[in-house]
């Protein structure tokens, strides 16, 4: 494959380095996305919920943002009862 290094080229990244870089980039994207979604929905949350979700997103790197995005999408799709 093109992105895998050969024994002669020490400057080319290995396949593991490429995969790690892609995963790190995806983690940062999910983290930023979760912060944006959390900021947009701050008015619909109580202060306690907002602080707890913010702490969860900030201090649990991948699980916190994914949990927030999953629950906020589920919360937005709930039909309103009139």
N, C-alpha and C. Protein backbone atom coordinates (compact mmCIF):
# COMPACT_ATOMS: atom_id res chain seq x y z
N UNK A 1 0.83 -1.18 0.00
CA UNK A 1 0.00 0.00 0.00
C UNK A 1 0.87 1.24 0.00
N UNK A 2 0.28 2.32 -0.45
CA UNK A 2 1.04 3.55 -0.60
C UNK A 2 1.44 4.16 0.75
N UNK A 3 0.54 4.13 1.73
CA UNK A 3 0.82 4.82 2.99
C UNK A 3 1.64 3.98 3.97
N UNK A 4 1.88 2.73 3.67
CA UNK A 4 2.71 1.91 4.53
C UNK A 4 4.17 2.11 4.18
N UNK A 5 5.01 2.22 5.20
CA UNK A 5 6.41 2.47 4.92
C UNK A 5 7.12 1.19 4.51
N UNK A 6 8.17 1.37 3.79
CA UNK A 6 9.01 0.25 3.42
C UNK A 6 10.24 0.27 4.31
N UNK A 7 11.03 -0.77 4.24
CA UNK A 7 12.22 -0.85 5.09
C UNK A 7 13.25 0.19 4.71
N UNK A 8 13.23 0.66 3.46
CA UNK A 8 14.24 1.61 2.99
C UNK A 8 13.88 3.06 3.30
N UNK A 9 12.62 3.36 3.50
CA UNK A 9 12.19 4.74 3.69
C UNK A 9 11.82 4.95 5.16
N UNK A 10 12.74 5.56 5.92
CA UNK A 10 12.51 5.74 7.35
C UNK A 10 11.63 6.93 7.65
N UNK A 11 11.40 7.82 6.69
CA UNK A 11 10.58 9.00 6.93
C UNK A 11 9.11 8.78 6.64
N UNK A 12 8.77 7.72 5.95
CA UNK A 12 7.36 7.44 5.64
C UNK A 12 6.68 6.87 6.88
N UNK A 13 5.46 7.33 7.15
CA UNK A 13 4.76 6.80 8.34
C UNK A 13 4.35 5.35 8.14
N UNK A 14 4.33 4.63 9.24
CA UNK A 14 3.86 3.25 9.18
C UNK A 14 2.34 3.25 9.17
N UNK A 15 1.77 2.10 8.90
CA UNK A 15 0.32 2.00 8.88
C UNK A 15 -0.29 2.32 10.24
N UNK A 16 0.38 1.91 11.32
CA UNK A 16 -0.12 2.20 12.66
C UNK A 16 -0.12 3.70 12.95
N UNK A 17 0.89 4.40 12.47
CA UNK A 17 0.94 5.85 12.68
C UNK A 17 -0.18 6.55 11.94
N UNK A 18 -0.48 6.09 10.74
CA UNK A 18 -1.56 6.68 9.96
C UNK A 18 -2.90 6.43 10.66
N UNK A 19 -3.11 5.22 11.12
CA UNK A 19 -4.37 4.88 11.81
C UNK A 19 -4.49 5.68 13.11
N UNK A 20 -3.41 5.80 13.86
CA UNK A 20 -3.44 6.56 15.11
C UNK A 20 -3.73 8.03 14.84
N UNK A 21 -3.17 8.58 13.77
CA UNK A 21 -3.42 9.97 13.43
C UNK A 21 -4.87 10.19 13.04
N UNK A 22 -5.44 9.29 12.26
CA UNK A 22 -6.84 9.40 11.86
C UNK A 22 -7.75 9.30 13.07
N UNK A 23 -7.48 8.36 13.98
CA UNK A 23 -8.29 8.22 15.19
C UNK A 23 -8.17 9.44 16.10
N UNK A 24 -6.98 9.99 16.22
CA UNK A 24 -6.80 11.21 17.03
C UNK A 24 -7.56 12.38 16.42
N UNK A 25 -7.50 12.52 15.12
CA UNK A 25 -8.23 13.59 14.45
C UNK A 25 -9.74 13.41 14.62
N UNK A 26 -10.22 12.19 14.50
CA UNK A 26 -11.65 11.91 14.67
C UNK A 26 -12.09 12.22 16.10
N UNK A 27 -11.25 11.90 17.08
CA UNK A 27 -11.56 12.20 18.47
C UNK A 27 -11.68 13.70 18.70
N UNK A 28 -10.78 14.46 18.13
CA UNK A 28 -10.84 15.92 18.26
C UNK A 28 -12.09 16.48 17.59
N UNK A 29 -12.44 15.96 16.43
CA UNK A 29 -13.64 16.43 15.73
C UNK A 29 -14.89 16.13 16.55
N UNK A 30 -14.99 14.93 17.11
CA UNK A 30 -16.16 14.56 17.93
C UNK A 30 -16.21 15.43 19.19
N UNK A 31 -15.06 15.71 19.79
CA UNK A 31 -14.99 16.56 20.98
C UNK A 31 -15.49 17.97 20.68
N UNK A 32 -15.02 18.57 19.60
CA UNK A 32 -15.44 19.92 19.23
C UNK A 32 -16.92 19.93 18.87
N UNK A 33 -17.36 18.93 18.14
CA UNK A 33 -18.77 18.83 17.76
C UNK A 33 -19.65 18.75 19.00
N UNK A 34 -19.25 17.94 19.98
CA UNK A 34 -20.02 17.80 21.21
C UNK A 34 -20.09 19.12 21.98
N UNK A 35 -18.98 19.86 22.01
CA UNK A 35 -19.00 21.15 22.70
C UNK A 35 -19.92 22.14 22.00
N UNK A 36 -19.94 22.13 20.68
CA UNK A 36 -20.82 23.02 19.93
C UNK A 36 -22.28 22.67 20.18
N UNK A 37 -22.61 21.38 20.11
CA UNK A 37 -24.00 20.95 20.34
C UNK A 37 -24.41 21.25 21.78
N UNK A 38 -23.50 21.07 22.72
CA UNK A 38 -23.79 21.37 24.12
C UNK A 38 -24.03 22.87 24.32
N UNK A 39 -23.24 23.70 23.68
CA UNK A 39 -23.43 25.15 23.80
C UNK A 39 -24.76 25.59 23.19
N UNK A 40 -25.14 24.98 22.08
CA UNK A 40 -26.39 25.36 21.43
C UNK A 40 -27.61 24.93 22.24
N UNK A 41 -27.50 23.85 22.98
CA UNK A 41 -28.66 23.37 23.73
C UNK A 41 -28.57 23.74 25.21
N UNK A 42 -27.73 24.69 25.57
CA UNK A 42 -27.55 25.06 26.97
C UNK A 42 -28.82 25.65 27.58
N UNK A 43 -29.63 26.32 26.77
CA UNK A 43 -30.85 26.94 27.30
C UNK A 43 -31.90 25.92 27.71
N UNK A 44 -31.87 24.75 27.09
CA UNK A 44 -32.88 23.74 27.41
C UNK A 44 -32.48 22.85 28.57
N UNK A 45 -31.28 23.05 29.12
CA UNK A 45 -30.79 22.24 30.23
C UNK A 45 -30.80 23.06 31.52
N UNK A 46 -30.93 22.38 32.63
CA UNK A 46 -30.76 23.07 33.91
C UNK A 46 -29.27 23.31 34.12
N UNK A 47 -28.95 24.18 35.06
CA UNK A 47 -27.54 24.47 35.31
C UNK A 47 -26.79 23.23 35.77
N UNK A 48 -27.44 22.41 36.58
CA UNK A 48 -26.80 21.18 37.06
C UNK A 48 -26.51 20.23 35.90
N UNK A 49 -27.50 20.04 35.02
CA UNK A 49 -27.29 19.16 33.86
C UNK A 49 -26.18 19.70 32.95
N UNK A 50 -26.18 21.01 32.75
CA UNK A 50 -25.15 21.61 31.89
C UNK A 50 -23.75 21.39 32.46
N UNK A 51 -23.59 21.61 33.75
CA UNK A 51 -22.28 21.43 34.38
C UNK A 51 -21.86 19.97 34.33
N UNK A 52 -22.79 19.06 34.63
CA UNK A 52 -22.44 17.64 34.60
C UNK A 52 -22.05 17.18 33.20
N UNK A 53 -22.82 17.59 32.19
CA UNK A 53 -22.48 17.20 30.82
C UNK A 53 -21.15 17.83 30.38
N UNK A 54 -20.93 19.07 30.76
CA UNK A 54 -19.68 19.72 30.40
C UNK A 54 -18.49 19.01 31.03
N UNK A 55 -18.61 18.65 32.30
CA UNK A 55 -17.53 17.90 32.95
C UNK A 55 -17.31 16.54 32.29
N UNK A 56 -18.41 15.87 31.95
CA UNK A 56 -18.30 14.56 31.31
C UNK A 56 -17.61 14.68 29.94
N UNK A 57 -18.01 15.68 29.17
CA UNK A 57 -17.41 15.86 27.84
C UNK A 57 -15.94 16.25 27.94
N UNK A 58 -15.61 17.09 28.91
CA UNK A 58 -14.23 17.56 29.02
C UNK A 58 -13.27 16.52 29.59
N UNK A 59 -13.72 15.72 30.55
CA UNK A 59 -12.78 14.86 31.28
C UNK A 59 -12.82 13.39 30.89
N UNK A 60 -13.77 12.98 30.09
CA UNK A 60 -13.77 11.60 29.59
C UNK A 60 -13.69 11.71 28.07
N UNK A 61 -12.49 11.60 27.51
CA UNK A 61 -12.21 12.02 26.15
C UNK A 61 -13.15 11.53 25.04
N UNK A 62 -13.38 10.28 24.88
CA UNK A 62 -14.20 9.84 23.75
C UNK A 62 -15.61 9.45 24.18
N UNK A 63 -15.73 8.86 25.35
CA UNK A 63 -17.03 8.38 25.80
C UNK A 63 -17.96 9.55 26.13
N UNK A 64 -17.45 10.59 26.76
CA UNK A 64 -18.27 11.74 27.13
C UNK A 64 -18.90 12.43 25.93
N UNK A 65 -18.11 12.84 24.93
CA UNK A 65 -18.71 13.47 23.76
C UNK A 65 -19.69 12.58 23.00
N UNK A 66 -19.35 11.31 22.86
CA UNK A 66 -20.26 10.40 22.14
C UNK A 66 -21.56 10.22 22.92
N UNK A 67 -21.47 10.12 24.24
CA UNK A 67 -22.68 9.99 25.06
C UNK A 67 -23.55 11.24 24.95
N UNK A 68 -22.92 12.42 24.98
CA UNK A 68 -23.70 13.65 24.86
C UNK A 68 -24.39 13.74 23.50
N UNK A 69 -23.65 13.46 22.45
CA UNK A 69 -24.24 13.54 21.10
C UNK A 69 -25.37 12.54 20.95
N UNK A 70 -25.18 11.34 21.46
CA UNK A 70 -26.21 10.31 21.35
C UNK A 70 -27.47 10.70 22.13
N UNK A 71 -27.33 11.22 23.33
CA UNK A 71 -28.50 11.59 24.12
C UNK A 71 -29.13 12.87 23.62
N UNK A 72 -28.35 13.79 23.10
CA UNK A 72 -28.95 15.03 22.60
C UNK A 72 -29.71 14.78 21.31
N UNK A 73 -29.24 13.88 20.47
CA UNK A 73 -29.98 13.54 19.25
C UNK A 73 -31.27 12.84 19.61
N UNK A 74 -31.23 11.93 20.58
CA UNK A 74 -32.43 11.23 21.02
C UNK A 74 -33.42 12.23 21.62
N UNK A 75 -32.91 13.20 22.36
CA UNK A 75 -33.77 14.19 23.01
C UNK A 75 -34.44 15.09 21.97
N UNK A 76 -33.73 15.48 20.92
CA UNK A 76 -34.28 16.35 19.90
C UNK A 76 -35.32 15.66 19.05
N UNK A 77 -35.22 14.36 18.87
CA UNK A 77 -36.15 13.64 18.00
C UNK A 77 -37.44 13.25 18.70
N UNK A 78 -37.54 13.51 20.00
CA UNK A 78 -38.76 13.18 20.74
C UNK A 78 -39.92 14.06 20.26
N UNK A 79 -41.04 13.46 19.95
CA UNK A 79 -42.16 14.29 19.53
C UNK A 79 -42.73 15.07 20.71
N UNK A 80 -43.13 16.29 20.42
CA UNK A 80 -43.69 17.10 21.50
C UNK A 80 -45.17 16.78 21.66
N UNK A 81 -45.59 16.74 22.89
CA UNK A 81 -46.99 16.44 23.19
C UNK A 81 -47.72 17.76 23.37
N UNK A 82 -48.75 17.96 22.55
CA UNK A 82 -49.49 19.22 22.62
C UNK A 82 -50.89 19.01 23.08
